[in-house]
Amino acid sequence: MTDRSRIGRRSRTKGASFERWVSNQLKPYFPDTRRQPQSQIKQLKAIAATDPTFNPCLTDVVAGPFGIECKHRKVLPHWEESLEQAKDDVGASGKVPVVVHKPHGGTADDIEVRILYFGDVIRMTWIEFLANCKRISQEKKVDDRGNIAPGQYWELFPDIAD
């Protein structure tokens, strides 16, 4: 776990700005999309520690069926570590763990996405991920609260779920 006090203000601002950008990009497809600031995540963790039935998604952004960890760095992170963090932060919430990486100075075309889906790692571009989000929302794979409709979990990515 990174000590937040040792990360520079500019770096934190860059990360928060990227999280807001990701959240705003996904709102047309999942209206309940929200960015979760670190202070809110700390509160959710405290509630979860006292109530074993409370299963929050603690990722940077929660959008429809996805719990998204956002990484905006110069150096490509180790995907395994980032996906493990996303998986831990999703916990028992039922969300699909996703990592979105934007290289420093990159554009939307440079953003890579990794999705942990039934033990497989799906790799796609940001544009492909948005196209899948559009399809998922149009085909009503999720309910009004962004939860996966019963029996639809396998169909989020039908090409992979064979």
N, C-alpha and C. Protein backbone atom coordinates (compact mmCIF):
# COMPACT_ATOMS: atom_id res chain seq x y z
N MET A 1 0.84 -1.18 0.00
CA MET A 1 0.00 0.00 0.00
C MET A 1 0.89 1.24 0.00
N THR A 2 0.59 2.17 -0.87
CA THR A 2 1.38 3.39 -0.98
C THR A 2 1.01 4.37 0.11
N ASP A 3 2.00 4.97 0.72
CA ASP A 3 1.76 6.01 1.71
C ASP A 3 1.38 7.28 0.96
N ARG A 4 0.11 7.69 1.05
CA ARG A 4 -0.42 8.83 0.29
C ARG A 4 0.35 10.13 0.60
N SER A 5 0.91 10.26 1.79
CA SER A 5 1.61 11.49 2.15
C SER A 5 2.91 11.66 1.38
N ARG A 6 3.44 10.57 0.83
CA ARG A 6 4.71 10.64 0.12
C ARG A 6 4.52 10.91 -1.37
N ILE A 7 3.29 10.84 -1.84
CA ILE A 7 3.03 11.10 -3.25
C ILE A 7 2.80 12.60 -3.41
N GLY A 8 3.44 13.20 -4.40
CA GLY A 8 3.33 14.63 -4.59
C GLY A 8 1.92 15.08 -4.97
N ARG A 9 1.64 16.33 -4.64
CA ARG A 9 0.33 16.90 -4.92
C ARG A 9 -0.02 16.82 -6.40
N ARG A 10 0.93 17.12 -7.26
CA ARG A 10 0.68 17.10 -8.70
C ARG A 10 0.32 15.69 -9.18
N SER A 11 0.98 14.70 -8.63
CA SER A 11 0.70 13.31 -8.99
C SER A 11 -0.70 12.91 -8.55
N ARG A 12 -1.09 13.31 -7.33
CA ARG A 12 -2.44 12.99 -6.85
C ARG A 12 -3.49 13.69 -7.70
N THR A 13 -3.22 14.95 -8.05
CA THR A 13 -4.16 15.71 -8.89
C THR A 13 -4.29 15.07 -10.25
N LYS A 14 -3.19 14.62 -10.81
CA LYS A 14 -3.21 13.95 -12.12
C LYS A 14 -4.06 12.69 -12.06
N GLY A 15 -3.89 11.90 -11.01
CA GLY A 15 -4.66 10.67 -10.85
C GLY A 15 -6.14 10.95 -10.67
N ALA A 16 -6.47 11.92 -9.83
CA ALA A 16 -7.87 12.26 -9.58
C ALA A 16 -8.52 12.81 -10.84
N SER A 17 -7.78 13.59 -11.59
CA SER A 17 -8.30 14.14 -12.84
C SER A 17 -8.60 13.02 -13.84
N PHE A 18 -7.72 12.03 -13.92
CA PHE A 18 -7.95 10.90 -14.82
C PHE A 18 -9.15 10.08 -14.36
N GLU A 19 -9.30 9.89 -13.05
CA GLU A 19 -10.47 9.17 -12.54
C GLU A 19 -11.76 9.90 -12.91
N ARG A 20 -11.78 11.22 -12.80
CA ARG A 20 -12.97 12.00 -13.19
C ARG A 20 -13.25 11.85 -14.68
N TRP A 21 -12.19 11.87 -15.48
CA TRP A 21 -12.35 11.72 -16.93
C TRP A 21 -12.96 10.36 -17.27
N VAL A 22 -12.44 9.30 -16.66
CA VAL A 22 -12.98 7.95 -16.89
C VAL A 22 -14.45 7.91 -16.49
N SER A 23 -14.75 8.45 -15.32
CA SER A 23 -16.13 8.46 -14.83
C SER A 23 -17.06 9.19 -15.81
N ASN A 24 -16.65 10.35 -16.28
CA ASN A 24 -17.48 11.13 -17.20
C ASN A 24 -17.66 10.42 -18.54
N GLN A 25 -16.64 9.70 -18.99
CA GLN A 25 -16.74 8.96 -20.25
C GLN A 25 -17.77 7.83 -20.16
N LEU A 26 -17.94 7.24 -18.98
CA LEU A 26 -18.83 6.10 -18.81
C LEU A 26 -20.26 6.46 -18.41
N LYS A 27 -20.48 7.70 -17.96
CA LYS A 27 -21.82 8.12 -17.52
C LYS A 27 -22.91 7.97 -18.58
N PRO A 28 -22.64 8.21 -19.87
CA PRO A 28 -23.72 8.02 -20.86
C PRO A 28 -24.23 6.58 -20.92
N TYR A 29 -23.40 5.62 -20.55
CA TYR A 29 -23.79 4.22 -20.64
C TYR A 29 -24.31 3.69 -19.30
N PHE A 30 -23.73 4.18 -18.21
CA PHE A 30 -24.13 3.76 -16.87
C PHE A 30 -24.35 5.03 -16.04
N PRO A 31 -25.60 5.56 -15.99
CA PRO A 31 -25.86 6.85 -15.33
C PRO A 31 -25.43 6.92 -13.86
N ASP A 32 -25.38 5.79 -13.16
CA ASP A 32 -24.97 5.80 -11.74
C ASP A 32 -23.46 5.75 -11.55
N THR A 33 -22.70 5.93 -12.63
CA THR A 33 -21.24 5.91 -12.54
C THR A 33 -20.78 6.96 -11.54
N ARG A 34 -19.81 6.56 -10.70
CA ARG A 34 -19.28 7.51 -9.72
C ARG A 34 -17.80 7.27 -9.47
N ARG A 35 -17.12 8.36 -9.21
CA ARG A 35 -15.72 8.30 -8.78
C ARG A 35 -15.74 8.27 -7.26
N GLN A 36 -14.87 7.45 -6.69
CA GLN A 36 -14.81 7.35 -5.24
C GLN A 36 -13.49 7.92 -4.74
N PRO A 37 -13.52 9.11 -4.16
CA PRO A 37 -12.29 9.68 -3.61
C PRO A 37 -11.76 8.82 -2.47
N GLN A 38 -10.48 8.95 -2.18
CA GLN A 38 -9.84 8.15 -1.13
C GLN A 38 -10.54 8.32 0.22
N SER A 39 -11.02 9.53 0.53
CA SER A 39 -11.69 9.74 1.81
C SER A 39 -12.97 8.91 1.90
N GLN A 40 -13.70 8.79 0.80
CA GLN A 40 -14.92 8.00 0.79
C GLN A 40 -14.60 6.51 0.93
N ILE A 41 -13.54 6.07 0.28
CA ILE A 41 -13.14 4.67 0.37
C ILE A 41 -12.78 4.32 1.81
N LYS A 42 -12.11 5.23 2.52
CA LYS A 42 -11.77 4.98 3.93
C LYS A 42 -13.04 4.82 4.76
N GLN A 43 -14.07 5.64 4.49
CA GLN A 43 -15.33 5.53 5.21
C GLN A 43 -16.01 4.19 4.93
N LEU A 44 -16.01 3.78 3.66
CA LEU A 44 -16.63 2.50 3.29
C LEU A 44 -15.92 1.34 3.97
N LYS A 45 -14.58 1.41 4.04
CA LYS A 45 -13.81 0.36 4.71
C LYS A 45 -14.17 0.29 6.20
N ALA A 46 -14.35 1.44 6.82
CA ALA A 46 -14.70 1.47 8.24
C ALA A 46 -16.08 0.85 8.47
N ILE A 47 -17.03 1.13 7.60
CA ILE A 47 -18.37 0.55 7.73
C ILE A 47 -18.29 -0.96 7.53
N ALA A 48 -17.54 -1.39 6.50
CA ALA A 48 -17.41 -2.82 6.20
C ALA A 48 -16.76 -3.57 7.35
N ALA A 49 -15.87 -2.91 8.10
CA ALA A 49 -15.19 -3.55 9.23
C ALA A 49 -16.16 -3.86 10.36
N THR A 50 -17.23 -3.07 10.48
CA THR A 50 -18.19 -3.27 11.57
C THR A 50 -19.43 -4.04 11.13
N ASP A 51 -19.70 -4.09 9.82
CA ASP A 51 -20.90 -4.77 9.32
C ASP A 51 -20.50 -5.82 8.28
N PRO A 52 -20.48 -7.09 8.66
CA PRO A 52 -20.02 -8.13 7.73
C PRO A 52 -20.94 -8.33 6.53
N THR A 53 -22.17 -7.82 6.57
CA THR A 53 -23.08 -7.97 5.43
C THR A 53 -22.90 -6.86 4.39
N PHE A 54 -22.10 -5.84 4.72
CA PHE A 54 -21.86 -4.70 3.82
C PHE A 54 -20.68 -5.05 2.92
N ASN A 55 -20.91 -5.14 1.61
CA ASN A 55 -19.87 -5.50 0.65
C ASN A 55 -19.68 -4.39 -0.38
N PRO A 56 -18.94 -3.35 -0.04
CA PRO A 56 -18.78 -2.25 -0.98
C PRO A 56 -17.72 -2.55 -2.05
N CYS A 57 -17.83 -1.86 -3.16
CA CYS A 57 -16.79 -1.89 -4.18
C CYS A 57 -15.88 -0.70 -3.89
N LEU A 58 -14.61 -0.96 -3.65
CA LEU A 58 -13.68 0.09 -3.19
C LEU A 58 -12.73 0.57 -4.29
N THR A 59 -13.09 0.37 -5.55
CA THR A 59 -12.23 0.81 -6.65
C THR A 59 -12.36 2.32 -6.86
N ASP A 60 -11.48 2.87 -7.72
CA ASP A 60 -11.48 4.31 -7.99
C ASP A 60 -12.79 4.78 -8.61
N VAL A 61 -13.32 3.98 -9.55
CA VAL A 61 -14.56 4.32 -10.25
C VAL A 61 -15.45 3.09 -10.25
N VAL A 62 -16.74 3.30 -10.00
CA VAL A 62 -17.73 2.23 -10.10
C VAL A 62 -18.68 2.63 -11.22
N ALA A 63 -18.75 1.76 -12.25
CA ALA A 63 -19.56 2.05 -13.43
C ALA A 63 -20.30 0.80 -13.86
N GLY A 64 -21.62 0.79 -13.70
CA GLY A 64 -22.40 -0.37 -14.10
C GLY A 64 -21.87 -1.62 -13.43
N PRO A 65 -21.56 -2.65 -14.21
CA PRO A 65 -21.08 -3.90 -13.62
C PRO A 65 -19.58 -3.91 -13.32
N PHE A 66 -18.91 -2.76 -13.50
CA PHE A 66 -17.45 -2.72 -13.40
C PHE A 66 -16.96 -1.95 -12.18
N GLY A 67 -15.92 -2.50 -11.54
CA GLY A 67 -15.15 -1.80 -10.53
C GLY A 67 -13.81 -1.48 -11.18
N ILE A 68 -13.50 -0.19 -11.34
CA ILE A 68 -12.37 0.22 -12.19
C ILE A 68 -11.27 0.88 -11.37
N GLU A 69 -10.06 0.34 -11.50
CA GLU A 69 -8.85 0.97 -10.96
C GLU A 69 -8.22 1.77 -12.08
N CYS A 70 -7.94 3.04 -11.83
CA CYS A 70 -7.36 3.92 -12.84
C CYS A 70 -5.87 4.13 -12.55
N LYS A 71 -5.05 3.97 -13.57
CA LYS A 71 -3.61 4.16 -13.45
C LYS A 71 -3.16 5.13 -14.53
N HIS A 72 -2.58 6.25 -14.12
CA HIS A 72 -2.07 7.25 -15.07
C HIS A 72 -0.60 7.46 -14.74
N ARG A 73 0.25 6.72 -15.44
CA ARG A 73 1.68 6.68 -15.08
C ARG A 73 2.56 6.75 -16.32
N LYS A 74 3.80 7.12 -16.08
CA LYS A 74 4.79 7.09 -17.16
C LYS A 74 5.11 5.67 -17.56
N VAL A 75 5.31 4.82 -16.57
CA VAL A 75 5.73 3.44 -16.80
C VAL A 75 4.51 2.53 -16.68
N LEU A 76 4.39 1.61 -17.62
CA LEU A 76 3.30 0.65 -17.58
C LEU A 76 3.39 -0.16 -16.30
N PRO A 77 2.29 -0.21 -15.52
CA PRO A 77 2.34 -0.98 -14.28
C PRO A 77 2.35 -2.47 -14.58
N HIS A 78 2.69 -3.25 -13.58
CA HIS A 78 2.58 -4.69 -13.72
C HIS A 78 1.09 -5.02 -13.66
N TRP A 79 0.56 -5.54 -14.74
CA TRP A 79 -0.87 -5.79 -14.82
C TRP A 79 -1.34 -6.74 -13.74
N GLU A 80 -0.53 -7.72 -13.42
CA GLU A 80 -0.94 -8.69 -12.41
C GLU A 80 -1.22 -7.99 -11.07
N GLU A 81 -0.33 -7.08 -10.68
CA GLU A 81 -0.49 -6.37 -9.42
C GLU A 81 -1.71 -5.46 -9.46
N SER A 82 -1.88 -4.76 -10.57
CA SER A 82 -3.02 -3.85 -10.70
C SER A 82 -4.34 -4.61 -10.71
N LEU A 83 -4.37 -5.73 -11.41
CA LEU A 83 -5.60 -6.54 -11.44
C LEU A 83 -5.88 -7.16 -10.08
N GLU A 84 -4.84 -7.53 -9.37
CA GLU A 84 -5.01 -8.08 -8.02
C GLU A 84 -5.59 -7.01 -7.09
N GLN A 85 -5.11 -5.77 -7.23
CA GLN A 85 -5.65 -4.66 -6.45
C GLN A 85 -7.13 -4.45 -6.78
N ALA A 86 -7.46 -4.45 -8.09
CA ALA A 86 -8.85 -4.27 -8.51
C ALA A 86 -9.72 -5.41 -7.96
N LYS A 87 -9.21 -6.63 -8.03
CA LYS A 87 -9.95 -7.80 -7.53
C LYS A 87 -10.20 -7.67 -6.03
N ASP A 88 -9.18 -7.26 -5.28
CA ASP A 88 -9.33 -7.07 -3.83
C ASP A 88 -10.32 -5.96 -3.52
N ASP A 89 -10.26 -4.86 -4.27
CA ASP A 89 -11.13 -3.72 -4.03
C ASP A 89 -12.58 -4.00 -4.41
N VAL A 90 -12.78 -4.86 -5.39
CA VAL A 90 -14.14 -5.26 -5.78
C VAL A 90 -14.74 -6.14 -4.70
N GLY A 91 -13.92 -7.01 -4.14
CA GLY A 91 -14.37 -7.87 -3.04
C GLY A 91 -15.58 -8.70 -3.42
N ALA A 92 -16.57 -8.74 -2.52
CA ALA A 92 -17.78 -9.54 -2.73
C ALA A 92 -18.92 -8.69 -3.30
N SER A 93 -18.59 -7.54 -3.88
CA SER A 93 -19.63 -6.64 -4.39
C SER A 93 -20.30 -7.15 -5.65
N GLY A 94 -19.68 -8.11 -6.34
CA GLY A 94 -20.26 -8.63 -7.57
C GLY A 94 -19.84 -7.87 -8.82
N LYS A 95 -19.01 -6.86 -8.68
CA LYS A 95 -18.54 -6.09 -9.83
C LYS A 95 -17.40 -6.83 -10.53
N VAL A 96 -17.20 -6.53 -11.80
CA VAL A 96 -16.13 -7.13 -12.59
C VAL A 96 -14.90 -6.23 -12.45
N PRO A 97 -13.74 -6.77 -12.01
CA PRO A 97 -12.53 -5.96 -11.84
C PRO A 97 -11.94 -5.52 -13.19
N VAL A 98 -11.64 -4.21 -13.28
CA VAL A 98 -11.08 -3.61 -14.49
C VAL A 98 -9.93 -2.69 -14.11
N VAL A 99 -8.87 -2.69 -14.92
CA VAL A 99 -7.78 -1.73 -14.76
C VAL A 99 -7.68 -0.93 -16.05
N VAL A 100 -7.64 0.40 -15.90
CA VAL A 100 -7.50 1.30 -17.05
C VAL A 100 -6.17 2.02 -16.88
N HIS A 101 -5.29 1.91 -17.89
CA HIS A 101 -3.97 2.53 -17.81
C HIS A 101 -3.80 3.55 -18.94
N LYS A 102 -3.47 4.77 -18.54
CA LYS A 102 -3.15 5.81 -19.52
C LYS A 102 -1.71 6.23 -19.29
N PRO A 103 -0.85 6.06 -20.31
CA PRO A 103 0.53 6.51 -20.13
C PRO A 103 0.59 8.03 -20.02
N HIS A 104 1.52 8.53 -19.22
CA HIS A 104 1.69 9.97 -19.04
C HIS A 104 1.89 10.64 -20.40
N GLY A 105 1.09 11.65 -20.67
CA GLY A 105 1.19 12.37 -21.93
C GLY A 105 0.45 11.70 -23.08
N GLY A 106 -0.19 10.56 -22.82
CA GLY A 106 -0.90 9.82 -23.85
C GLY A 106 -2.29 10.40 -24.12
N THR A 107 -2.90 9.91 -25.19
CA THR A 107 -4.25 10.32 -25.55
C THR A 107 -5.19 9.14 -25.30
N ALA A 108 -6.47 9.34 -25.60
CA ALA A 108 -7.46 8.27 -25.43
C ALA A 108 -7.10 7.04 -26.26
N ASP A 109 -6.43 7.25 -27.38
CA ASP A 109 -6.02 6.13 -28.23
C ASP A 109 -4.94 5.27 -27.58
N ASP A 110 -4.22 5.83 -26.61
CA ASP A 110 -3.13 5.11 -25.95
C ASP A 110 -3.58 4.36 -24.69
N ILE A 111 -4.83 4.54 -24.29
CA ILE A 111 -5.32 3.93 -23.06
C ILE A 111 -5.57 2.44 -23.27
N GLU A 112 -5.05 1.64 -22.35
CA GLU A 112 -5.24 0.19 -22.39
C GLU A 112 -6.13 -0.23 -21.23
N VAL A 113 -6.92 -1.28 -21.47
CA VAL A 113 -7.85 -1.79 -20.47
C VAL A 113 -7.59 -3.28 -20.28
N ARG A 114 -7.60 -3.71 -19.02
CA ARG A 114 -7.51 -5.14 -18.70
C ARG A 114 -8.71 -5.47 -17.82
N ILE A 115 -9.37 -6.56 -18.14
CA ILE A 115 -10.56 -6.98 -17.42
C ILE A 115 -10.34 -8.39 -16.92
N LEU A 116 -10.61 -8.62 -15.64
CA LEU A 116 -10.52 -9.97 -15.09
C LEU A 116 -11.92 -10.56 -15.15
N TYR A 117 -12.10 -11.53 -16.05
CA TYR A 117 -13.43 -12.06 -16.34
C TYR A 117 -13.39 -13.57 -16.27
N PHE A 118 -13.95 -14.13 -15.21
CA PHE A 118 -13.95 -15.58 -14.99
C PHE A 118 -12.56 -16.18 -15.09
N GLY A 119 -11.59 -15.51 -14.47
CA GLY A 119 -10.23 -16.03 -14.45
C GLY A 119 -9.40 -15.70 -15.68
N ASP A 120 -10.04 -15.23 -16.75
CA ASP A 120 -9.30 -14.82 -17.95
C ASP A 120 -9.03 -13.32 -17.89
N VAL A 121 -7.91 -12.91 -18.46
CA VAL A 121 -7.60 -11.49 -18.56
C VAL A 121 -7.92 -11.07 -20.00
N ILE A 122 -8.86 -10.16 -20.12
CA ILE A 122 -9.24 -9.64 -21.43
C ILE A 122 -8.51 -8.32 -21.62
N ARG A 123 -7.86 -8.16 -22.75
CA ARG A 123 -7.12 -6.93 -23.06
C ARG A 123 -7.83 -6.23 -24.21
N MET A 124 -8.05 -4.93 -24.06
CA MET A 124 -8.65 -4.16 -25.14
C MET A 124 -8.25 -2.70 -25.01
N THR A 125 -8.53 -1.94 -26.06
CA THR A 125 -8.27 -0.50 -26.02
C THR A 125 -9.44 0.19 -25.33
N TRP A 126 -9.23 1.44 -24.98
CA TRP A 126 -10.30 2.23 -24.35
C TRP A 126 -11.50 2.35 -25.30
N ILE A 127 -11.24 2.57 -26.58
CA ILE A 127 -12.31 2.71 -27.57
C ILE A 127 -13.13 1.41 -27.64
N GLU A 128 -12.46 0.27 -27.61
CA GLU A 128 -13.17 -1.02 -27.62
C GLU A 128 -13.97 -1.21 -26.33
N PHE A 129 -13.39 -0.79 -25.21
CA PHE A 129 -14.10 -0.91 -23.93
C PHE A 129 -15.37 -0.06 -23.95
N LEU A 130 -15.27 1.18 -24.45
CA LEU A 130 -16.46 2.04 -24.53
C LEU A 130 -17.52 1.44 -25.44
N ALA A 131 -17.08 0.83 -26.55
CA ALA A 131 -18.04 0.18 -27.46
C ALA A 131 -18.75 -0.97 -26.75
N ASN A 132 -18.02 -1.74 -25.94
CA ASN A 132 -18.64 -2.82 -25.16
C ASN A 132 -19.59 -2.26 -24.11
N CYS A 133 -19.23 -1.16 -23.47
CA CYS A 133 -20.11 -0.53 -22.49
C CYS A 133 -21.40 -0.07 -23.15
N LYS A 134 -21.28 0.49 -24.34
CA LYS A 134 -22.47 0.94 -25.07
C LYS A 134 -23.37 -0.26 -25.38
N ARG A 135 -22.77 -1.35 -25.86
CA ARG A 135 -23.54 -2.56 -26.19
C ARG A 135 -24.21 -3.12 -24.94
N ILE A 136 -23.47 -3.19 -23.84
CA ILE A 136 -24.00 -3.74 -22.59
C ILE A 136 -25.20 -2.91 -22.12
N SER A 137 -25.08 -1.58 -22.19
CA SER A 137 -26.19 -0.73 -21.73
C SER A 137 -27.38 -0.82 -22.68
N GLN A 138 -27.15 -0.91 -23.99
CA GLN A 138 -28.25 -1.01 -24.95
C GLN A 138 -28.97 -2.35 -24.87
N GLU A 139 -28.23 -3.41 -24.61
CA GLU A 139 -28.83 -4.74 -24.52
C GLU A 139 -29.40 -5.02 -23.14
N LYS A 140 -29.36 -4.01 -22.27
CA LYS A 140 -29.92 -4.13 -20.92
C LYS A 140 -29.33 -5.30 -20.14
N LYS A 141 -28.02 -5.43 -20.22
CA LYS A 141 -27.32 -6.48 -19.45
C LYS A 141 -27.25 -6.11 -17.97
N VAL A 142 -27.52 -4.83 -17.67
CA VAL A 142 -27.50 -4.36 -16.28
C VAL A 142 -28.82 -3.69 -15.97
N ASP A 143 -29.18 -3.69 -14.69
CA ASP A 143 -30.43 -3.02 -14.30
C ASP A 143 -30.18 -1.53 -14.09
N ASP A 144 -31.19 -0.83 -13.64
CA ASP A 144 -31.10 0.63 -13.48
C ASP A 144 -30.05 1.07 -12.48
N ARG A 145 -29.67 0.20 -11.56
CA ARG A 145 -28.67 0.54 -10.55
C ARG A 145 -27.27 0.10 -10.95
N GLY A 146 -27.12 -0.43 -12.18
CA GLY A 146 -25.81 -0.85 -12.65
C GLY A 146 -25.43 -2.26 -12.27
N ASN A 147 -26.36 -2.99 -11.68
CA ASN A 147 -26.08 -4.37 -11.32
C ASN A 147 -26.32 -5.29 -12.50
N ILE A 148 -25.59 -6.35 -12.56
CA ILE A 148 -25.72 -7.31 -13.64
C ILE A 148 -27.05 -8.04 -13.49
N ALA A 149 -27.81 -8.04 -14.56
CA ALA A 149 -29.11 -8.72 -14.53
C ALA A 149 -28.90 -10.22 -14.33
N PRO A 150 -29.82 -10.88 -13.63
CA PRO A 150 -29.68 -12.32 -13.39
C PRO A 150 -29.49 -13.09 -14.70
N GLY A 151 -28.51 -13.97 -14.71
CA GLY A 151 -28.26 -14.79 -15.89
C GLY A 151 -27.51 -14.08 -17.01
N GLN A 152 -27.18 -12.81 -16.81
CA GLN A 152 -26.52 -12.04 -17.86
C GLN A 152 -25.01 -11.93 -17.69
N TYR A 153 -24.49 -12.33 -16.53
CA TYR A 153 -23.07 -12.15 -16.23
C TYR A 153 -22.18 -12.77 -17.31
N TRP A 154 -22.56 -13.96 -17.77
CA TRP A 154 -21.77 -14.64 -18.79
C TRP A 154 -21.79 -13.90 -20.11
N GLU A 155 -22.79 -13.06 -20.32
CA GLU A 155 -22.99 -12.43 -21.61
C GLU A 155 -22.40 -11.02 -21.71
N LEU A 156 -21.67 -10.59 -20.69
CA LEU A 156 -21.05 -9.26 -20.79
C LEU A 156 -20.07 -9.23 -21.96
N PHE A 157 -19.28 -10.28 -22.07
CA PHE A 157 -18.31 -10.41 -23.15
C PHE A 157 -18.54 -11.76 -23.83
N PRO A 158 -19.54 -11.85 -24.70
CA PRO A 158 -19.91 -13.16 -25.27
C PRO A 158 -18.80 -13.81 -26.10
N ASP A 159 -17.91 -13.03 -26.67
CA ASP A 159 -16.82 -13.60 -27.48
C ASP A 159 -15.85 -14.40 -26.61
N ILE A 160 -15.74 -14.03 -25.33
CA ILE A 160 -14.77 -14.64 -24.43
C ILE A 160 -15.40 -15.81 -23.67
N ALA A 161 -16.68 -15.71 -23.39
CA ALA A 161 -17.33 -16.63 -22.47
C ALA A 161 -17.72 -17.96 -23.10
N ASP A 162 -17.09 -18.35 -24.18
CA ASP A 162 -17.44 -19.62 -24.84
C ASP A 162 -17.14 -20.80 -23.96
